Amino acid sequence: MLQANRIRGLLTQIHPALERVLGPRLDHPAVLDLLERYPSSAELASASEKTLANRLTKLAPRMGKSLAADIVQALSEQAVIVPGTQAATIVMPRLAQQLASLRKQREEVASEVERLVHAHPLWPVLTSMPGVGVRTAARLLTEVAHKAFASAAHLAAYAGLAPVTRRSGSSIRGEHPSRRGNKVLKRALFLSAFATLRDPISRDYYARKVQQGNRHNQALIALARRRCDVLRDGTLYQPKSAPTA
């Protein structure tokens, strides 16, 4: 997010050591709350480690004490107040507040999306497939809901997962993955297929495809195409084979 980049930029400008501690943790509300209250290195230094820990622990009970110690250590690494610190002190609370507000809005939207996805009739079908969570399910529903496909092959072609035969004159140069299709749907199916490699049955299917001479991406596309059968028919995913010992 823009606000996060600006906060990290300001911290890098006025106190690099502090940025190394707080920058990677800007997604945590405890850090944003701290920057609203103590927007400069001088104000952070005016508070004791215990005070910082108490404030952080309210929103970050697990890392509050250790983060406070890291902040104090970072503050000790720079004794000079650099130009621009005062201006950053004015801007920092506003940026932290804006970022916290955006994070909250994003969480609210995610919660609403999850509610809508759970209420959809295809939710049990989608989550019966390994590698499909709320985000992927929402993406799939957005792209295939209210669309009719004559067959799973038509759905695969719509997603750009159907192989394309390349020809040169009268000669056939083999089949290659299509570069057309619905790129959003294709990416969702492809990434969910990649996630299924943690599933033993899917991993076994992938391994068989590789042994048959398929490349990594081709084997993943084969996994993704199996999902088209489930999506098209609206039936629960049923593994076709079990892993062998």
C-alpha atoms as a PDB file:
ATOM      1  CA  MET A   1       0.000   0.000   0.000  1.00  0.00           C
ATOM      2  CA  LEU A   2       1.075   3.578  -0.685  1.00  0.00           C
ATOM      3  CA  GLN A   3       0.863   4.593   2.975  1.00  0.00           C
ATOM      4  CA  ALA A   4       3.076   1.697   4.053  1.00  0.00           C
ATOM      5  CA  ASN A   5       5.706   2.640   1.480  1.00  0.00           C
ATOM      6  CA  ARG A   6       5.634   6.255   2.617  1.00  0.00           C
ATOM      7  CA  ILE A   7       6.005   5.265   6.271  1.00  0.00           C
ATOM      8  CA  ARG A   8       8.957   3.030   5.448  1.00  0.00           C
ATOM      9  CA  GLY A   9      10.478   5.801   3.362  1.00  0.00           C
ATOM     10  CA  LEU A  10      10.175   8.298   6.210  1.00  0.00           C
ATOM     11  CA  LEU A  11      11.636   5.872   8.723  1.00  0.00           C
ATOM     12  CA  THR A  12      14.538   5.101   6.387  1.00  0.00           C
ATOM     13  CA  GLN A  13      15.192   8.807   6.018  1.00  0.00           C
ATOM     14  CA  ILE A  14      15.148   9.723   9.699  1.00  0.00           C
ATOM     15  CA  HIS A  15      16.178   6.492  11.443  1.00  0.00           C
ATOM     16  CA  PRO A  16      17.281   3.487   9.308  1.00  0.00           C
ATOM     17  CA  ALA A  17      17.747   1.176  12.295  1.00  0.00           C
ATOM     18  CA  LEU A  18      14.193   1.851  13.435  1.00  0.00           C
ATOM     19  CA  GLU A  19      12.884   1.165   9.930  1.00  0.00           C
ATOM     20  CA  ARG A  20      14.550  -2.248   9.963  1.00  0.00           C
ATOM     21  CA  VAL A  21      12.601  -3.095  13.116  1.00  0.00           C
ATOM     22  CA  LEU A  22       9.216  -1.507  12.373  1.00  0.00           C
ATOM     23  CA  GLY A  23       9.082  -1.500   8.574  1.00  0.00           C
ATOM     24  CA  PRO A  24       8.509  -5.240   8.077  1.00  0.00           C
ATOM     25  CA  ARG A  25       5.800  -5.198  10.776  1.00  0.00           C
ATOM     26  CA  LEU A  26       3.586  -2.408   9.440  1.00  0.00           C
ATOM     27  CA  ASP A  27       0.844  -4.917   8.736  1.00  0.00           C
ATOM     28  CA  HIS A  28       0.355  -5.315  12.491  1.00  0.00           C
ATOM     29  CA  PRO A  29      -2.099  -2.912  14.183  1.00  0.00           C
ATOM     30  CA  ALA A  30       0.120  -2.695  17.276  1.00  0.00           C
ATOM     31  CA  VAL A  31       2.918  -1.077  15.268  1.00  0.00           C
ATOM     32  CA  LEU A  32       0.581   1.427  13.633  1.00  0.00           C
ATOM     33  CA  ASP A  33      -0.913   2.275  17.026  1.00  0.00           C
ATOM     34  CA  LEU A  34       2.594   2.848  18.373  1.00  0.00           C
ATOM     35  CA  LEU A  35       3.519   5.166  15.496  1.00  0.00           C
ATOM     36  CA  GLU A  36       0.353   7.186  16.028  1.00  0.00           C
ATOM     37  CA  ARG A  37       1.301   7.726  19.674  1.00  0.00           C
ATOM     38  CA  TYR A  38       5.094   8.021  19.233  1.00  0.00           C
ATOM     39  CA  PRO A  39       5.664   9.283  15.664  1.00  0.00           C
ATOM     40  CA  SER A  40       9.385  10.027  15.980  1.00  0.00           C
ATOM     41  CA  SER A  41      12.525   8.453  17.347  1.00  0.00           C
ATOM     42  CA  ALA A  42      12.723  11.201  19.979  1.00  0.00           C
ATOM     43  CA  GLU A  43       9.226  10.468  21.258  1.00  0.00           C
ATOM     44  CA  LEU A  44       9.880   6.730  21.264  1.00  0.00           C
ATOM     45  CA  ALA A  45      13.087   7.351  23.201  1.00  0.00           C
ATOM     46  CA  SER A  46      11.173   9.413  25.760  1.00  0.00           C
ATOM     47  CA  ALA A  47       9.145   6.337  26.721  1.00  0.00           C
ATOM     48  CA  SER A  48      10.626   3.522  28.761  1.00  0.00           C
ATOM     49  CA  GLU A  49      10.931   0.024  27.373  1.00  0.00           C
ATOM     50  CA  LYS A  50       8.250  -1.085  29.828  1.00  0.00           C
ATOM     51  CA  THR A  51       5.871   1.635  28.618  1.00  0.00           C
ATOM     52  CA  LEU A  52       6.425   0.627  25.002  1.00  0.00           C
ATOM     53  CA  ALA A  53       5.964  -3.037  25.860  1.00  0.00           C
ATOM     54  CA  ASN A  54       2.720  -2.364  27.724  1.00  0.00           C
ATOM     55  CA  ARG A  55       1.267  -0.463  24.773  1.00  0.00           C
ATOM     56  CA  LEU A  56       2.402  -3.020  22.206  1.00  0.00           C
ATOM     57  CA  THR A  57       1.205  -5.983  24.254  1.00  0.00           C
ATOM     58  CA  LYS A  58      -2.388  -4.738  24.201  1.00  0.00           C
ATOM     59  CA  LEU A  59      -2.593  -5.489  20.472  1.00  0.00           C
ATOM     60  CA  ALA A  60       0.345  -7.865  20.159  1.00  0.00           C
ATOM     61  CA  PRO A  61       0.490 -10.025  23.294  1.00  0.00           C
ATOM     62  CA  ARG A  62       3.001 -12.462  21.836  1.00  0.00           C
ATOM     63  CA  MET A  63       5.570 -10.069  20.430  1.00  0.00           C
ATOM     64  CA  GLY A  64       5.001  -6.930  22.507  1.00  0.00           C
ATOM     65  CA  LYS A  65       7.922  -7.344  24.920  1.00  0.00           C
ATOM     66  CA  SER A  66      10.436  -8.543  22.348  1.00  0.00           C
ATOM     67  CA  LEU A  67       9.467  -5.800  19.892  1.00  0.00           C
ATOM     68  CA  ALA A  68       9.863  -3.146  22.585  1.00  0.00           C
ATOM     69  CA  ALA A  69      13.360  -4.462  23.291  1.00  0.00           C
ATOM     70  CA  ASP A  70      14.187  -4.366  19.568  1.00  0.00           C
ATOM     71  CA  ILE A  71      12.956  -0.777  19.342  1.00  0.00           C
ATOM     72  CA  VAL A  72      15.089   0.333  22.283  1.00  0.00           C
ATOM     73  CA  GLN A  73      18.110  -1.394  20.744  1.00  0.00           C
ATOM     74  CA  ALA A  74      17.482   0.306  17.391  1.00  0.00           C
ATOM     75  CA  LEU A  75      17.132   3.708  19.057  1.00  0.00           C
ATOM     76  CA  SER A  76      20.512   3.262  20.729  1.00  0.00           C
ATOM     77  CA  GLU A  77      22.183   2.853  17.338  1.00  0.00           C
ATOM     78  CA  GLN A  78      21.587   6.467  16.291  1.00  0.00           C
ATOM     79  CA  ALA A  79      22.210   9.512  18.446  1.00  0.00           C
ATOM     80  CA  VAL A  80      21.963  12.144  15.704  1.00  0.00           C
ATOM     81  CA  ILE A  81      18.678  13.827  14.776  1.00  0.00           C
ATOM     82  CA  VAL A  82      18.701  14.153  10.990  1.00  0.00           C
ATOM     83  CA  PRO A  83      17.043  16.932   8.940  1.00  0.00           C
ATOM     84  CA  GLY A  84      13.399  16.227   8.180  1.00  0.00           C
ATOM     85  CA  THR A  85      12.678  14.564  11.499  1.00  0.00           C
ATOM     86  CA  GLN A  86      10.278  17.279  12.635  1.00  0.00           C
ATOM     87  CA  ALA A  87       8.332  17.174   9.368  1.00  0.00           C
ATOM     88  CA  ALA A  88       8.146  13.388   9.561  1.00  0.00           C
ATOM     89  CA  THR A  89       6.780  13.685  13.088  1.00  0.00           C
ATOM     90  CA  ILE A  90       3.826  15.672  11.749  1.00  0.00           C
ATOM     91  CA  VAL A  91       3.128  13.352   8.817  1.00  0.00           C
ATOM     92  CA  MET A  92       3.722   9.996  10.501  1.00  0.00           C
ATOM     93  CA  PRO A  93       0.592   9.842  12.729  1.00  0.00           C
ATOM     94  CA  ARG A  94      -1.655  10.638   9.779  1.00  0.00           C
ATOM     95  CA  LEU A  95      -0.076   7.976   7.602  1.00  0.00           C
ATOM     96  CA  ALA A  96      -0.289   5.409  10.389  1.00  0.00           C
ATOM     97  CA  GLN A  97      -3.945   6.257  10.978  1.00  0.00           C
ATOM     98  CA  GLN A  98      -4.755   6.046   7.258  1.00  0.00           C
ATOM     99  CA  LEU A  99      -2.985   2.708   6.925  1.00  0.00           C
ATOM    100  CA  ALA A 100      -4.752   1.307   9.980  1.00  0.00           C
ATOM    101  CA  SER A 101      -8.090   2.420   8.522  1.00  0.00           C
ATOM    102  CA  LEU A 102      -7.327   0.793   5.170  1.00  0.00           C
ATOM    103  CA  ARG A 103      -6.282  -2.438   6.875  1.00  0.00           C
ATOM    104  CA  LYS A 104      -9.548  -2.483   8.801  1.00  0.00           C
ATOM    105  CA  GLN A 105     -11.577  -1.847   5.649  1.00  0.00           C
ATOM    106  CA  ARG A 106      -9.749  -4.658   3.881  1.00  0.00           C
ATOM    107  CA  GLU A 107     -10.522  -7.022   6.743  1.00  0.00           C
ATOM    108  CA  GLU A 108     -14.195  -6.019   6.625  1.00  0.00           C
ATOM    109  CA  VAL A 109     -14.339  -6.616   2.875  1.00  0.00           C
ATOM    110  CA  ALA A 110     -12.609  -9.983   3.283  1.00  0.00           C
ATOM    111  CA  SER A 111     -15.115 -10.940   5.965  1.00  0.00           C
ATOM    112  CA  GLU A 112     -18.042  -9.989   3.722  1.00  0.00           C
ATOM    113  CA  VAL A 113     -16.551 -11.896   0.787  1.00  0.00           C
ATOM    114  CA  GLU A 114     -16.123 -14.940   3.007  1.00  0.00           C
ATOM    115  CA  ARG A 115     -19.760 -14.695   4.105  1.00  0.00           C
ATOM    116  CA  LEU A 116     -20.983 -14.471   0.507  1.00  0.00           C
ATOM    117  CA  VAL A 117     -18.772 -17.332  -0.651  1.00  0.00           C
ATOM    118  CA  HIS A 118     -19.932 -19.563   2.203  1.00  0.00           C
ATOM    119  CA  ALA A 119     -23.546 -18.861   1.257  1.00  0.00           C
ATOM    120  CA  HIS A 120     -23.072 -19.795  -2.403  1.00  0.00           C
ATOM    121  CA  PRO A 121     -24.415 -23.221  -3.492  1.00  0.00           C
ATOM    122  CA  LEU A 122     -21.055 -24.097  -5.080  1.00  0.00           C
ATOM    123  CA  TRP A 123     -19.126 -23.532  -1.830  1.00  0.00           C
ATOM    124  CA  PRO A 124     -19.192 -27.220  -0.773  1.00  0.00           C
ATOM    125  CA  VAL A 125     -18.159 -28.216  -4.299  1.00  0.00           C
ATOM    126  CA  LEU A 126     -15.243 -25.793  -4.429  1.00  0.00           C
ATOM    127  CA  THR A 127     -13.889 -26.628  -0.993  1.00  0.00           C
ATOM    128  CA  SER A 128     -14.118 -30.351  -1.680  1.00  0.00           C
ATOM    129  CA  MET A 129     -11.094 -29.798  -3.928  1.00  0.00           C
ATOM    130  CA  PRO A 130      -7.707 -29.634  -2.206  1.00  0.00           C
ATOM    131  CA  GLY A 131      -5.953 -26.305  -2.604  1.00  0.00           C
ATOM    132  CA  VAL A 132      -9.124 -24.174  -2.688  1.00  0.00           C
ATOM    133  CA  GLY A 133      -9.656 -21.698   0.139  1.00  0.00           C
ATOM    134  CA  VAL A 134     -11.878 -18.660   0.489  1.00  0.00           C
ATOM    135  CA  ARG A 135      -9.841 -16.400  -1.811  1.00  0.00           C
ATOM    136  CA  THR A 136      -9.565 -18.928  -4.611  1.00  0.00           C
ATOM    137  CA  ALA A 137     -13.215 -19.914  -4.228  1.00  0.00           C
ATOM    138  CA  ALA A 138     -14.265 -16.260  -4.517  1.00  0.00           C
ATOM    139  CA  ARG A 139     -12.121 -15.819  -7.621  1.00  0.00           C
ATOM    140  CA  LEU A 140     -13.545 -18.947  -9.250  1.00  0.00           C
ATOM    141  CA  LEU A 141     -17.129 -17.996  -8.431  1.00  0.00           C
ATOM    142  CA  THR A 142     -16.641 -14.514  -9.854  1.00  0.00           C
ATOM    143  CA  GLU A 143     -15.410 -15.919 -13.149  1.00  0.00           C
ATOM    144  CA  VAL A 144     -17.745 -18.902 -13.701  1.00  0.00           C
ATOM    145  CA  ALA A 145     -20.981 -18.010 -11.900  1.00  0.00           C
ATOM    146  CA  HIS A 146     -23.976 -17.515 -14.204  1.00  0.00           C
ATOM    147  CA  LYS A 147     -22.032 -18.891 -17.176  1.00  0.00           C
ATOM    148  CA  ALA A 148     -23.143 -22.053 -18.965  1.00  0.00           C
ATOM    149  CA  PHE A 149     -20.574 -24.429 -20.450  1.00  0.00           C
ATOM    150  CA  ALA A 150     -21.516 -27.336 -22.694  1.00  0.00           C
ATOM    151  CA  SER A 151     -18.776 -29.491 -21.214  1.00  0.00           C
ATOM    152  CA  ALA A 152     -15.730 -29.452 -18.972  1.00  0.00           C
ATOM    153  CA  ALA A 153     -13.635 -29.160 -22.136  1.00  0.00           C
ATOM    154  CA  HIS A 154     -15.450 -25.944 -23.039  1.00  0.00           C
ATOM    155  CA  LEU A 155     -14.775 -24.583 -19.551  1.00  0.00           C
ATOM    156  CA  ALA A 156     -11.095 -25.542 -19.879  1.00  0.00           C
ATOM    157  CA  ALA A 157     -10.942 -23.750 -23.225  1.00  0.00           C
ATOM    158  CA  TYR A 158     -12.614 -20.679 -21.707  1.00  0.00           C
ATOM    159  CA  ALA A 159      -9.952 -20.663 -18.992  1.00  0.00           C
ATOM    160  CA  GLY A 160      -7.169 -21.074 -21.539  1.00  0.00           C
ATOM    161  CA  LEU A 161      -6.221 -24.511 -20.216  1.00  0.00           C
ATOM    162  CA  ALA A 162      -7.025 -26.463 -23.378  1.00  0.00           C
ATOM    163  CA  PRO A 163      -3.936 -27.344 -25.451  1.00  0.00           C
ATOM    164  CA  VAL A 164      -3.575 -25.701 -28.859  1.00  0.00           C
ATOM    165  CA  THR A 165      -2.170 -27.527 -31.873  1.00  0.00           C
ATOM    166  CA  ARG A 166       0.336 -25.400 -33.738  1.00  0.00           C
ATOM    167  CA  ARG A 167       0.666 -25.881 -37.464  1.00  0.00           C
ATOM    168  CA  SER A 168       3.229 -24.657 -39.958  1.00  0.00           C
ATOM    169  CA  GLY A 169       1.997 -25.094 -43.494  1.00  0.00           C
ATOM    170  CA  SER A 170       0.960 -28.716 -43.788  1.00  0.00           C
ATOM    171  CA  SER A 171       3.004 -29.895 -40.798  1.00  0.00           C
ATOM    172  CA  ILE A 172       1.831 -30.185 -37.200  1.00  0.00           C
ATOM    173  CA  ARG A 173       4.300 -28.830 -34.662  1.00  0.00           C
ATOM    174  CA  GLY A 174       2.717 -30.334 -31.560  1.00  0.00           C
ATOM    175  CA  GLU A 175       0.399 -29.147 -28.812  1.00  0.00           C
ATOM    176  CA  HIS A 176       1.165 -26.175 -26.604  1.00  0.00           C
ATOM    177  CA  PRO A 177      -0.653 -24.393 -23.771  1.00  0.00           C
ATOM    178  CA  SER A 178      -3.043 -21.721 -24.998  1.00  0.00           C
ATOM    179  CA  ARG A 179      -2.147 -18.087 -24.430  1.00  0.00           C
ATOM    180  CA  ARG A 180      -5.777 -17.083 -24.719  1.00  0.00           C
ATOM    181  CA  GLY A 181      -8.702 -17.499 -22.392  1.00  0.00           C
ATOM    182  CA  ASN A 182      -9.799 -15.910 -19.142  1.00  0.00           C
ATOM    183  CA  LYS A 183      -6.481 -15.080 -17.500  1.00  0.00           C
ATOM    184  CA  VAL A 184      -7.995 -14.482 -14.058  1.00  0.00           C
ATOM    185  CA  LEU A 185      -9.703 -17.878 -14.067  1.00  0.00           C
ATOM    186  CA  LYS A 186      -6.632 -19.564 -15.497  1.00  0.00           C
ATOM    187  CA  ARG A 187      -4.394 -18.128 -12.790  1.00  0.00           C
ATOM    188  CA  ALA A 188      -6.830 -19.153 -10.035  1.00  0.00           C
ATOM    189  CA  LEU A 189      -7.041 -22.720 -11.343  1.00  0.00           C
ATOM    190  CA  PHE A 190      -3.286 -22.897 -11.914  1.00  0.00           C
ATOM    191  CA  LEU A 191      -2.366 -21.626  -8.442  1.00  0.00           C
ATOM    192  CA  SER A 192      -4.904 -23.879  -6.747  1.00  0.00           C
ATOM    193  CA  ALA A 193      -3.485 -26.810  -8.717  1.00  0.00           C
ATOM    194  CA  PHE A 194      -0.009 -25.874  -7.476  1.00  0.00           C
ATOM    195  CA  ALA A 195      -1.338 -25.801  -3.900  1.00  0.00           C
ATOM    196  CA  THR A 196      -2.666 -29.354  -4.307  1.00  0.00           C
ATOM    197  CA  LEU A 197       0.863 -30.709  -4.561  1.00  0.00           C
ATOM    198  CA  ARG A 198       0.701 -31.008  -0.771  1.00  0.00           C
ATOM    199  CA  ASP A 199      -2.176 -33.455  -1.259  1.00  0.00           C
ATOM    200  CA  PRO A 200      -0.825 -37.038  -1.670  1.00  0.00           C
ATOM    201  CA  ILE A 201      -3.299 -38.068  -4.380  1.00  0.00           C
ATOM    202  CA  SER A 202      -2.765 -34.904  -6.413  1.00  0.00           C
ATOM    203  CA  ARG A 203       0.986 -35.209  -5.950  1.00  0.00           C
ATOM    204  CA  ASP A 204       0.828 -38.788  -7.222  1.00  0.00           C
ATOM    205  CA  TYR A 205      -1.142 -37.661 -10.289  1.00  0.00           C
ATOM    206  CA  TYR A 206       1.382 -34.868 -10.933  1.00  0.00           C
ATOM    207  CA  ALA A 207       4.285 -37.318 -10.631  1.00  0.00           C
ATOM    208  CA  ARG A 208       2.675 -39.680 -13.149  1.00  0.00           C
ATOM    209  CA  LYS A 209       2.256 -36.839 -15.623  1.00  0.00           C
ATOM    210  CA  VAL A 210       5.915 -35.884 -15.247  1.00  0.00           C
ATOM    211  CA  GLN A 211       6.948 -39.517 -15.754  1.00  0.00           C
ATOM    212  CA  GLN A 212       4.894 -39.508 -18.958  1.00  0.00           C
ATOM    213  CA  GLY A 213       7.091 -36.720 -20.283  1.00  0.00           C
ATOM    214  CA  ASN A 214       5.118 -33.647 -19.271  1.00  0.00           C
ATOM    215  CA  ARG A 215       6.978 -30.588 -18.062  1.00  0.00           C
ATOM    216  CA  HIS A 216       6.216 -29.012 -14.690  1.00  0.00           C
ATOM    217  CA  ASN A 217       3.716 -26.472 -16.042  1.00  0.00           C
ATOM    218  CA  GLN A 218       2.059 -29.051 -18.293  1.00  0.00           C
ATOM    219  CA  ALA A 219       1.550 -31.386 -15.334  1.00  0.00           C
ATOM    220  CA  LEU A 220       0.063 -28.521 -13.306  1.00  0.00           C
ATOM    221  CA  ILE A 221      -2.280 -27.636 -16.162  1.00  0.00           C
ATOM    222  CA  ALA A 222      -3.421 -31.264 -16.224  1.00  0.00           C
ATOM    223  CA  LEU A 223      -4.209 -30.948 -12.511  1.00  0.00           C
ATOM    224  CA  ALA A 224      -6.033 -27.682 -13.136  1.00  0.00           C
ATOM    225  CA  ARG A 225      -8.125 -29.239 -15.913  1.00  0.00           C
ATOM    226  CA  ARG A 226      -9.384 -31.896 -13.505  1.00  0.00           C
ATOM    227  CA  ARG A 227     -10.975 -29.034 -11.581  1.00  0.00           C
ATOM    228  CA  CYS A 228     -12.937 -28.029 -14.644  1.00  0.00           C
ATOM    229  CA  ASP A 229     -14.819 -31.341 -14.420  1.00  0.00           C
ATOM    230  CA  VAL A 230     -15.882 -30.540 -10.861  1.00  0.00           C
ATOM    231  CA  LEU A 231     -16.803 -26.922 -11.644  1.00  0.00           C
ATOM    232  CA  ARG A 232     -18.750 -27.790 -14.778  1.00  0.00           C
ATOM    233  CA  ASP A 233     -20.763 -30.618 -13.221  1.00  0.00           C
ATOM    234  CA  GLY A 234     -21.185 -29.022  -9.792  1.00  0.00           C
ATOM    235  CA  THR A 235     -20.320 -32.320  -8.116  1.00  0.00           C
ATOM    236  CA  LEU A 236     -18.090 -32.881  -5.118  1.00  0.00           C
ATOM    237  CA  TYR A 237     -14.499 -33.701  -5.906  1.00  0.00           C
ATOM    238  CA  GLN A 238     -13.846 -37.425  -5.723  1.00  0.00           C
ATOM    239  CA  PRO A 239     -10.216 -38.590  -5.884  1.00  0.00           C
ATOM    240  CA  LYS A 240      -9.808 -41.073  -8.727  1.00  0.00           C
ATOM    241  CA  SER A 241      -6.943 -42.935  -7.155  1.00  0.00           C
ATOM    242  CA  ALA A 242      -5.190 -43.422  -3.848  1.00  0.00           C
ATOM    243  CA  PRO A 243      -1.495 -42.886  -3.195  1.00  0.00           C
ATOM    244  CA  THR A 244       0.644 -45.975  -3.434  1.00  0.00           C
ATOM    245  CA  ALA A 245       3.124 -46.985  -0.805  1.00  0.00           C
END
